[in-house]
Amino acid sequence: MTETRVGRPRPATLPMTPSALAGLQATYRDDLLADTIPFWLRHGLDRECGGLLTGLDRDGSVVDTDKALWLQGRAAWTFATLANTVERRPEWIEASRHCLEFIRRHGHGPDGKLYFTVTREGKPLRMRRYAYSEAFACIGSAAYARATGEARAAEEAKAFFEAYLRHSFERGVMPAKTDPATRPMQGLAPYMIAIATAQEMRAALGDVRVAGCTCTEWVDRSLAEIRDKFFHP
């Protein structure tokens, strides 16, 4: 241990040697594949109503049955990405499909925008002003399309990304967070999410065109906006 200026002990910095890196890799791989993912497959998948239950205690008991649509998309991405990058296990692909089917059946509001939260059965609870549910449904659908070759999922991924872009960047579509006459504002997060979403789309489906631009062009446009409007000189 080493000492800080105020006398508090802190862990000594470990050199990142090849053997140390290999040990960390084994630790994280074991935690993910032998603990975390089996926990969610065993306790999270809702075999009765579909989708993923996320309000769980450490022992897997359910403490809240409301379902966030954004998390269904991210879970679909996680399971499909494991199949794409680690091993093509049927249970991972099926878990991804399970989450996407819940979005397909219960996620869409009257105007096509995805809800933020629904009940366990899929009844609407809350619609948020922003479109992050769409972004995560996009990457989940894209990863699943790569894992299975399903054309429907690939088209849904592009449609979700287009909806995200329209709600995030088209003037007047997303309600303002504050009165723009009093305090005109622009958020950084939509550009960051656009970059990550476009990167995942490109990795899964290639440099496809969405809303008039390729995924690479959406990354470049978002980076340019960040440099121009948010980066302090």
C-alpha atoms as a PDB file:
ATOM      1  CA  MET A   1       0.000   0.000   0.000  1.00  0.00           C
ATOM      2  CA  THR A   2       1.035   3.610  -0.539  1.00  0.00           C
ATOM      3  CA  GLU A   3      -0.022   6.766   1.297  1.00  0.00           C
ATOM      4  CA  THR A   4      -1.886   9.794  -0.030  1.00  0.00           C
ATOM      5  CA  ARG A   5      -1.184  13.328   1.197  1.00  0.00           C
ATOM      6  CA  VAL A   6      -3.948  13.064   3.802  1.00  0.00           C
ATOM      7  CA  GLY A   7      -2.630   9.763   5.050  1.00  0.00           C
ATOM      8  CA  ARG A   8      -5.303   7.520   3.550  1.00  0.00           C
ATOM      9  CA  PRO A   9      -4.028   4.187   2.269  1.00  0.00           C
ATOM     10  CA  ARG A  10      -4.663   3.362  -1.338  1.00  0.00           C
ATOM     11  CA  PRO A  11      -3.841   0.289  -3.413  1.00  0.00           C
ATOM     12  CA  ALA A  12      -0.447   0.350  -5.037  1.00  0.00           C
ATOM     13  CA  THR A  13      -0.547   0.560  -8.821  1.00  0.00           C
ATOM     14  CA  LEU A  14       0.010  -2.844 -10.373  1.00  0.00           C
ATOM     15  CA  PRO A  15       2.200  -3.012 -13.470  1.00  0.00           C
ATOM     16  CA  MET A  16       0.186  -4.130 -16.498  1.00  0.00           C
ATOM     17  CA  THR A  17       2.429  -7.011 -17.444  1.00  0.00           C
ATOM     18  CA  PRO A  18       1.224  -9.669 -19.907  1.00  0.00           C
ATOM     19  CA  SER A  19       0.618 -12.080 -17.030  1.00  0.00           C
ATOM     20  CA  ALA A  20      -1.354  -9.447 -15.066  1.00  0.00           C
ATOM     21  CA  LEU A  21      -3.481  -8.654 -18.107  1.00  0.00           C
ATOM     22  CA  ALA A  22      -4.104 -12.349 -18.702  1.00  0.00           C
ATOM     23  CA  GLY A  23      -5.209 -12.716 -15.086  1.00  0.00           C
ATOM     24  CA  LEU A  24      -7.625  -9.797 -15.394  1.00  0.00           C
ATOM     25  CA  GLN A  25      -8.990 -11.194 -18.634  1.00  0.00           C
ATOM     26  CA  ALA A  26      -9.652 -14.542 -16.988  1.00  0.00           C
ATOM     27  CA  THR A  27     -11.307 -12.867 -13.992  1.00  0.00           C
ATOM     28  CA  TYR A  28     -13.669 -10.755 -16.084  1.00  0.00           C
ATOM     29  CA  ARG A  29     -14.438 -13.611 -18.470  1.00  0.00           C
ATOM     30  CA  ASP A  30     -15.264 -15.984 -15.619  1.00  0.00           C
ATOM     31  CA  ASP A  31     -17.385 -13.380 -13.817  1.00  0.00           C
ATOM     32  CA  LEU A  32     -19.312 -12.633 -17.006  1.00  0.00           C
ATOM     33  CA  LEU A  33     -19.803 -16.125 -18.391  1.00  0.00           C
ATOM     34  CA  ALA A  34     -19.995 -18.179 -15.196  1.00  0.00           C
ATOM     35  CA  ASP A  35     -21.861 -15.750 -12.945  1.00  0.00           C
ATOM     36  CA  THR A  36     -23.474 -12.652 -14.477  1.00  0.00           C
ATOM     37  CA  ILE A  37     -24.980 -14.056 -17.673  1.00  0.00           C
ATOM     38  CA  PRO A  38     -26.215 -17.320 -16.076  1.00  0.00           C
ATOM     39  CA  PHE A  39     -27.860 -15.245 -13.323  1.00  0.00           C
ATOM     40  CA  TRP A  40     -29.881 -13.239 -15.836  1.00  0.00           C
ATOM     41  CA  LEU A  41     -30.753 -16.243 -17.944  1.00  0.00           C
ATOM     42  CA  ARG A  42     -31.960 -18.098 -14.844  1.00  0.00           C
ATOM     43  CA  HIS A  43     -33.805 -15.293 -13.055  1.00  0.00           C
ATOM     44  CA  GLY A  44     -34.374 -12.449 -15.518  1.00  0.00           C
ATOM     45  CA  LEU A  45     -36.065 -13.961 -18.545  1.00  0.00           C
ATOM     46  CA  ASP A  46     -39.822 -13.692 -18.079  1.00  0.00           C
ATOM     47  CA  ARG A  47     -41.129 -16.960 -19.492  1.00  0.00           C
ATOM     48  CA  GLU A  48     -44.718 -15.967 -18.786  1.00  0.00           C
ATOM     49  CA  CYS A  49     -45.011 -12.448 -20.210  1.00  0.00           C
ATOM     50  CA  GLY A  50     -41.883 -12.103 -22.315  1.00  0.00           C
ATOM     51  CA  GLY A  51     -38.913  -9.781 -22.078  1.00  0.00           C
ATOM     52  CA  LEU A  52     -36.501  -9.362 -19.211  1.00  0.00           C
ATOM     53  CA  LEU A  53     -37.332  -8.669 -15.576  1.00  0.00           C
ATOM     54  CA  THR A  54     -34.695  -6.304 -14.231  1.00  0.00           C
ATOM     55  CA  GLY A  55     -35.826  -5.485 -10.675  1.00  0.00           C
ATOM     56  CA  LEU A  56     -34.094  -8.434  -9.026  1.00  0.00           C
ATOM     57  CA  ASP A  57     -32.507  -8.970  -5.632  1.00  0.00           C
ATOM     58  CA  ARG A  58     -29.126 -10.653  -5.259  1.00  0.00           C
ATOM     59  CA  ASP A  59     -30.790 -14.053  -4.853  1.00  0.00           C
ATOM     60  CA  GLY A  60     -32.799 -13.547  -8.043  1.00  0.00           C
ATOM     61  CA  SER A  61     -36.105 -12.809  -6.341  1.00  0.00           C
ATOM     62  CA  VAL A  62     -38.265 -10.267  -8.151  1.00  0.00           C
ATOM     63  CA  VAL A  63     -38.692  -6.915  -6.383  1.00  0.00           C
ATOM     64  CA  ASP A  64     -40.175  -4.899  -9.271  1.00  0.00           C
ATOM     65  CA  THR A  65     -41.952  -6.151 -12.388  1.00  0.00           C
ATOM     66  CA  ASP A  66     -42.036  -2.930 -14.445  1.00  0.00           C
ATOM     67  CA  LYS A  67     -39.946  -3.242 -17.587  1.00  0.00           C
ATOM     68  CA  ALA A  68     -37.791  -0.540 -19.139  1.00  0.00           C
ATOM     69  CA  LEU A  69     -37.844  -0.736 -22.930  1.00  0.00           C
ATOM     70  CA  TRP A  70     -34.346   0.701 -23.228  1.00  0.00           C
ATOM     71  CA  LEU A  71     -33.038  -2.169 -21.103  1.00  0.00           C
ATOM     72  CA  GLN A  72     -34.784  -4.767 -23.263  1.00  0.00           C
ATOM     73  CA  GLY A  73     -32.799  -3.422 -26.207  1.00  0.00           C
ATOM     74  CA  ARG A  74     -29.522  -3.395 -24.336  1.00  0.00           C
ATOM     75  CA  ALA A  75     -30.099  -6.929 -23.065  1.00  0.00           C
ATOM     76  CA  ALA A  76     -30.852  -8.095 -26.612  1.00  0.00           C
ATOM     77  CA  TRP A  77     -27.555  -6.502 -27.685  1.00  0.00           C
ATOM     78  CA  THR A  78     -25.640  -8.153 -24.833  1.00  0.00           C
ATOM     79  CA  PHE A  79     -26.885 -11.654 -25.558  1.00  0.00           C
ATOM     80  CA  ALA A  80     -26.480 -11.346 -29.331  1.00  0.00           C
ATOM     81  CA  THR A  81     -23.030  -9.797 -29.000  1.00  0.00           C
ATOM     82  CA  LEU A  82     -21.916 -12.715 -26.852  1.00  0.00           C
ATOM     83  CA  ALA A  83     -23.079 -15.027 -29.630  1.00  0.00           C
ATOM     84  CA  ASN A  84     -21.254 -12.925 -32.212  1.00  0.00           C
ATOM     85  CA  THR A  85     -17.968 -12.577 -30.351  1.00  0.00           C
ATOM     86  CA  VAL A  86     -17.593 -15.407 -27.807  1.00  0.00           C
ATOM     87  CA  GLU A  87     -19.535 -18.489 -28.868  1.00  0.00           C
ATOM     88  CA  ARG A  88     -22.691 -19.200 -30.831  1.00  0.00           C
ATOM     89  CA  ARG A  89     -24.673 -20.609 -27.922  1.00  0.00           C
ATOM     90  CA  PRO A  90     -28.340 -21.152 -28.799  1.00  0.00           C
ATOM     91  CA  GLU A  91     -29.496 -19.930 -25.371  1.00  0.00           C
ATOM     92  CA  TRP A  92     -27.844 -16.548 -25.934  1.00  0.00           C
ATOM     93  CA  ILE A  93     -29.439 -16.095 -29.345  1.00  0.00           C
ATOM     94  CA  GLU A  94     -32.799 -17.172 -27.971  1.00  0.00           C
ATOM     95  CA  ALA A  95     -32.505 -14.719 -25.052  1.00  0.00           C
ATOM     96  CA  SER A  96     -31.798 -11.897 -27.483  1.00  0.00           C
ATOM     97  CA  ARG A  97     -34.834 -12.849 -29.571  1.00  0.00           C
ATOM     98  CA  HIS A  98     -36.924 -13.082 -26.395  1.00  0.00           C
ATOM     99  CA  CYS A  99     -36.160  -9.435 -25.531  1.00  0.00           C
ATOM    100  CA  LEU A 100     -36.689  -8.162 -29.079  1.00  0.00           C
ATOM    101  CA  GLU A 101     -40.042  -9.922 -29.364  1.00  0.00           C
ATOM    102  CA  PHE A 102     -41.221  -8.072 -26.248  1.00  0.00           C
ATOM    103  CA  ILE A 103     -40.268  -4.764 -27.889  1.00  0.00           C
ATOM    104  CA  ARG A 104     -42.070  -5.783 -31.065  1.00  0.00           C
ATOM    105  CA  ARG A 105     -45.258  -6.694 -29.218  1.00  0.00           C
ATOM    106  CA  HIS A 106     -45.405  -4.003 -26.547  1.00  0.00           C
ATOM    107  CA  GLY A 107     -42.837  -1.273 -27.170  1.00  0.00           C
ATOM    108  CA  HIS A 108     -44.459   0.976 -29.751  1.00  0.00           C
ATOM    109  CA  GLY A 109     -46.613   3.925 -28.751  1.00  0.00           C
ATOM    110  CA  PRO A 110     -49.455   5.350 -30.887  1.00  0.00           C
ATOM    111  CA  ASP A 111     -47.032   7.464 -32.955  1.00  0.00           C
ATOM    112  CA  GLY A 112     -44.497   4.636 -33.322  1.00  0.00           C
ATOM    113  CA  LYS A 113     -42.128   5.979 -30.689  1.00  0.00           C
ATOM    114  CA  LEU A 114     -41.015   3.442 -28.098  1.00  0.00           C
ATOM    115  CA  TYR A 115     -42.202   3.683 -24.522  1.00  0.00           C
ATOM    116  CA  PHE A 116     -39.722   4.185 -21.707  1.00  0.00           C
ATOM    117  CA  THR A 117     -41.409   1.773 -19.276  1.00  0.00           C
ATOM    118  CA  VAL A 118     -44.303  -0.677 -19.434  1.00  0.00           C
ATOM    119  CA  THR A 119     -45.854  -3.106 -16.975  1.00  0.00           C
ATOM    120  CA  ARG A 120     -44.768  -6.712 -16.772  1.00  0.00           C
ATOM    121  CA  GLU A 121     -47.513  -7.616 -19.247  1.00  0.00           C
ATOM    122  CA  GLY A 122     -46.522  -4.786 -21.578  1.00  0.00           C
ATOM    123  CA  LYS A 123     -49.145  -2.136 -20.789  1.00  0.00           C
ATOM    124  CA  PRO A 124     -47.868   1.439 -21.252  1.00  0.00           C
ATOM    125  CA  LEU A 125     -46.553   3.281 -18.207  1.00  0.00           C
ATOM    126  CA  ARG A 126     -44.312   6.118 -19.329  1.00  0.00           C
ATOM    127  CA  MET A 127     -43.201   7.831 -22.511  1.00  0.00           C
ATOM    128  CA  ARG A 128     -40.076   9.994 -22.258  1.00  0.00           C
ATOM    129  CA  ARG A 129     -39.238  13.013 -24.420  1.00  0.00           C
ATOM    130  CA  TYR A 130     -35.918  11.614 -25.602  1.00  0.00           C
ATOM    131  CA  ALA A 131     -35.386   8.577 -27.826  1.00  0.00           C
ATOM    132  CA  TYR A 132     -32.828   6.397 -26.081  1.00  0.00           C
ATOM    133  CA  SER A 133     -35.164   3.401 -26.107  1.00  0.00           C
ATOM    134  CA  GLU A 134     -34.943   3.592 -29.906  1.00  0.00           C
ATOM    135  CA  ALA A 135     -31.139   3.723 -29.858  1.00  0.00           C
ATOM    136  CA  PHE A 136     -30.840   0.616 -27.698  1.00  0.00           C
ATOM    137  CA  ALA A 137     -33.523  -1.249 -29.650  1.00  0.00           C
ATOM    138  CA  CYS A 138     -31.457  -0.403 -32.730  1.00  0.00           C
ATOM    139  CA  ILE A 139     -28.218  -1.932 -31.478  1.00  0.00           C
ATOM    140  CA  GLY A 140     -30.040  -4.963 -30.100  1.00  0.00           C
ATOM    141  CA  SER A 141     -31.769  -5.574 -33.421  1.00  0.00           C
ATOM    142  CA  ALA A 142     -28.544  -5.051 -35.369  1.00  0.00           C
ATOM    143  CA  ALA A 143     -26.563  -7.487 -33.222  1.00  0.00           C
ATOM    144  CA  TYR A 144     -29.365 -10.048 -33.459  1.00  0.00           C
ATOM    145  CA  ALA A 145     -29.500  -9.629 -37.244  1.00  0.00           C
ATOM    146  CA  ARG A 146     -25.774 -10.314 -37.413  1.00  0.00           C
ATOM    147  CA  ALA A 147     -26.133 -13.393 -35.218  1.00  0.00           C
ATOM    148  CA  THR A 148     -29.052 -14.869 -37.141  1.00  0.00           C
ATOM    149  CA  GLY A 149     -29.103 -13.267 -40.578  1.00  0.00           C
ATOM    150  CA  GLU A 150     -32.709 -12.222 -39.968  1.00  0.00           C
ATOM    151  CA  ALA A 151     -33.640  -9.541 -42.502  1.00  0.00           C
ATOM    152  CA  ARG A 152     -36.531  -8.268 -40.382  1.00  0.00           C
ATOM    153  CA  ALA A 153     -34.217  -7.433 -37.480  1.00  0.00           C
ATOM    154  CA  ALA A 154     -31.812  -5.616 -39.807  1.00  0.00           C
ATOM    155  CA  GLU A 155     -34.616  -3.472 -41.213  1.00  0.00           C
ATOM    156  CA  GLU A 156     -35.935  -2.788 -37.714  1.00  0.00           C
ATOM    157  CA  ALA A 157     -32.477  -1.698 -36.614  1.00  0.00           C
ATOM    158  CA  LYS A 158     -32.354   0.895 -39.393  1.00  0.00           C
ATOM    159  CA  ALA A 159     -35.886   2.052 -38.614  1.00  0.00           C
ATOM    160  CA  PHE A 160     -35.065   2.441 -34.908  1.00  0.00           C
ATOM    161  CA  PHE A 161     -31.927   4.443 -35.726  1.00  0.00           C
ATOM    162  CA  GLU A 162     -33.858   6.656 -38.116  1.00  0.00           C
ATOM    163  CA  ALA A 163     -36.464   7.285 -35.393  1.00  0.00           C
ATOM    164  CA  TYR A 164     -33.690   8.116 -32.929  1.00  0.00           C
ATOM    165  CA  LEU A 165     -32.103  10.593 -35.324  1.00  0.00           C
ATOM    166  CA  ARG A 166     -35.434  12.250 -36.129  1.00  0.00           C
ATOM    167  CA  HIS A 167     -36.455  12.699 -32.497  1.00  0.00           C
ATOM    168  CA  SER A 168     -32.990  13.801 -31.418  1.00  0.00           C
ATOM    169  CA  PHE A 169     -31.969  16.198 -34.181  1.00  0.00           C
ATOM    170  CA  GLU A 170     -34.951  17.244 -36.281  1.00  0.00           C
ATOM    171  CA  ARG A 171     -36.088  20.647 -35.116  1.00  0.00           C
ATOM    172  CA  GLY A 172     -39.400  20.646 -33.278  1.00  0.00           C
ATOM    173  CA  VAL A 173     -39.813  16.876 -32.956  1.00  0.00           C
ATOM    174  CA  MET A 174     -38.483  16.433 -29.405  1.00  0.00           C
ATOM    175  CA  PRO A 175     -40.121  18.772 -26.870  1.00  0.00           C
ATOM    176  CA  ALA A 176     -37.683  21.277 -25.415  1.00  0.00           C
ATOM    177  CA  LYS A 177     -36.376  20.519 -21.935  1.00  0.00           C
ATOM    178  CA  THR A 178     -36.579  24.195 -20.977  1.00  0.00           C
ATOM    179  CA  ASP A 179     -38.340  27.139 -22.574  1.00  0.00           C
ATOM    180  CA  PRO A 180     -36.000  27.973 -25.471  1.00  0.00           C
ATOM    181  CA  ALA A 181     -37.013  31.618 -25.357  1.00  0.00           C
ATOM    182  CA  THR A 182     -35.668  31.813 -21.808  1.00  0.00           C
ATOM    183  CA  ARG A 183     -32.749  29.405 -22.006  1.00  0.00           C
ATOM    184  CA  PRO A 184     -31.818  27.952 -25.406  1.00  0.00           C
ATOM    185  CA  MET A 185     -29.943  24.703 -24.842  1.00  0.00           C
ATOM    186  CA  GLN A 186     -28.448  21.823 -26.740  1.00  0.00           C
ATOM    187  CA  GLY A 187     -27.510  18.476 -25.167  1.00  0.00           C
ATOM    188  CA  LEU A 188     -24.264  16.572 -25.596  1.00  0.00           C
ATOM    189  CA  ALA A 189     -25.736  13.138 -24.891  1.00  0.00           C
ATOM    190  CA  PRO A 190     -27.708  12.758 -28.164  1.00  0.00           C
ATOM    191  CA  TYR A 191     -24.485  13.116 -30.172  1.00  0.00           C
ATOM    192  CA  MET A 192     -22.630  10.643 -27.951  1.00  0.00           C
ATOM    193  CA  ILE A 193     -25.417   8.076 -28.285  1.00  0.00           C
ATOM    194  CA  ALA A 194     -25.588   8.682 -32.042  1.00  0.00           C
ATOM    195  CA  ILE A 195     -21.882   7.860 -32.319  1.00  0.00           C
ATOM    196  CA  ALA A 196     -22.156   4.661 -30.289  1.00  0.00           C
ATOM    197  CA  THR A 197     -25.310   3.563 -32.125  1.00  0.00           C
ATOM    198  CA  ALA A 198     -23.823   4.193 -35.555  1.00  0.00           C
ATOM    199  CA  GLN A 199     -20.673   2.306 -34.597  1.00  0.00           C
ATOM    200  CA  GLU A 200     -22.672  -0.724 -33.471  1.00  0.00           C
ATOM    201  CA  MET A 201     -24.816  -0.594 -36.606  1.00  0.00           C
ATOM    202  CA  ARG A 202     -21.698  -0.476 -38.772  1.00  0.00           C
ATOM    203  CA  ALA A 203     -20.082  -3.383 -36.911  1.00  0.00           C
ATOM    204  CA  ALA A 204     -23.183  -5.553 -37.266  1.00  0.00           C
ATOM    205  CA  LEU A 205     -24.629  -4.598 -40.643  1.00  0.00           C
ATOM    206  CA  GLY A 206     -21.861  -2.784 -42.492  1.00  0.00           C
ATOM    207  CA  ASP A 207     -21.772   0.905 -43.353  1.00  0.00           C
ATOM    208  CA  VAL A 208     -25.475   1.069 -44.205  1.00  0.00           C
ATOM    209  CA  ARG A 209     -27.306   4.289 -45.036  1.00  0.00           C
ATOM    210  CA  VAL A 210     -29.904   5.634 -42.625  1.00  0.00           C
ATOM    211  CA  ALA A 211     -31.760   8.922 -43.118  1.00  0.00           C
ATOM    212  CA  GLY A 212     -29.541   9.900 -46.027  1.00  0.00           C
ATOM    213  CA  CYS A 213     -26.123   9.207 -44.476  1.00  0.00           C
ATOM    214  CA  THR A 214     -23.921   6.185 -43.864  1.00  0.00           C
ATOM    215  CA  CYS A 215     -23.118   5.133 -40.324  1.00  0.00           C
ATOM    216  CA  THR A 216     -19.611   6.536 -40.744  1.00  0.00           C
ATOM    217  CA  GLU A 217     -21.046   9.871 -41.877  1.00  0.00           C
ATOM    218  CA  TRP A 218     -23.290  10.001 -38.787  1.00  0.00           C
ATOM    219  CA  VAL A 219     -20.244   9.381 -36.601  1.00  0.00           C
ATOM    220  CA  ASP A 220     -18.296  12.128 -38.371  1.00  0.00           C
ATOM    221  CA  ARG A 221     -21.199  14.582 -38.215  1.00  0.00           C
ATOM    222  CA  SER A 222     -21.715  13.962 -34.512  1.00  0.00           C
ATOM    223  CA  LEU A 223     -18.013  14.358 -33.765  1.00  0.00           C
ATOM    224  CA  ALA A 224     -17.973  17.625 -35.678  1.00  0.00           C
ATOM    225  CA  GLU A 225     -20.923  18.946 -33.654  1.00  0.00           C
ATOM    226  CA  ILE A 226     -19.194  17.981 -30.397  1.00  0.00           C
ATOM    227  CA  ARG A 227     -15.941  19.668 -31.429  1.00  0.00           C
ATOM    228  CA  ASP A 228     -17.800  22.780 -32.618  1.00  0.00           C
ATOM    229  CA  LYS A 229     -20.264  23.259 -29.763  1.00  0.00           C
ATOM    230  CA  PHE A 230     -19.027  21.445 -26.665  1.00  0.00           C
ATOM    231  CA  PHE A 231     -15.235  21.361 -26.721  1.00  0.00           C
ATOM    232  CA  HIS A 232     -13.622  24.131 -24.676  1.00  0.00           C
ATOM    233  CA  PRO A 233     -10.780  25.824 -26.592  1.00  0.00           C
END
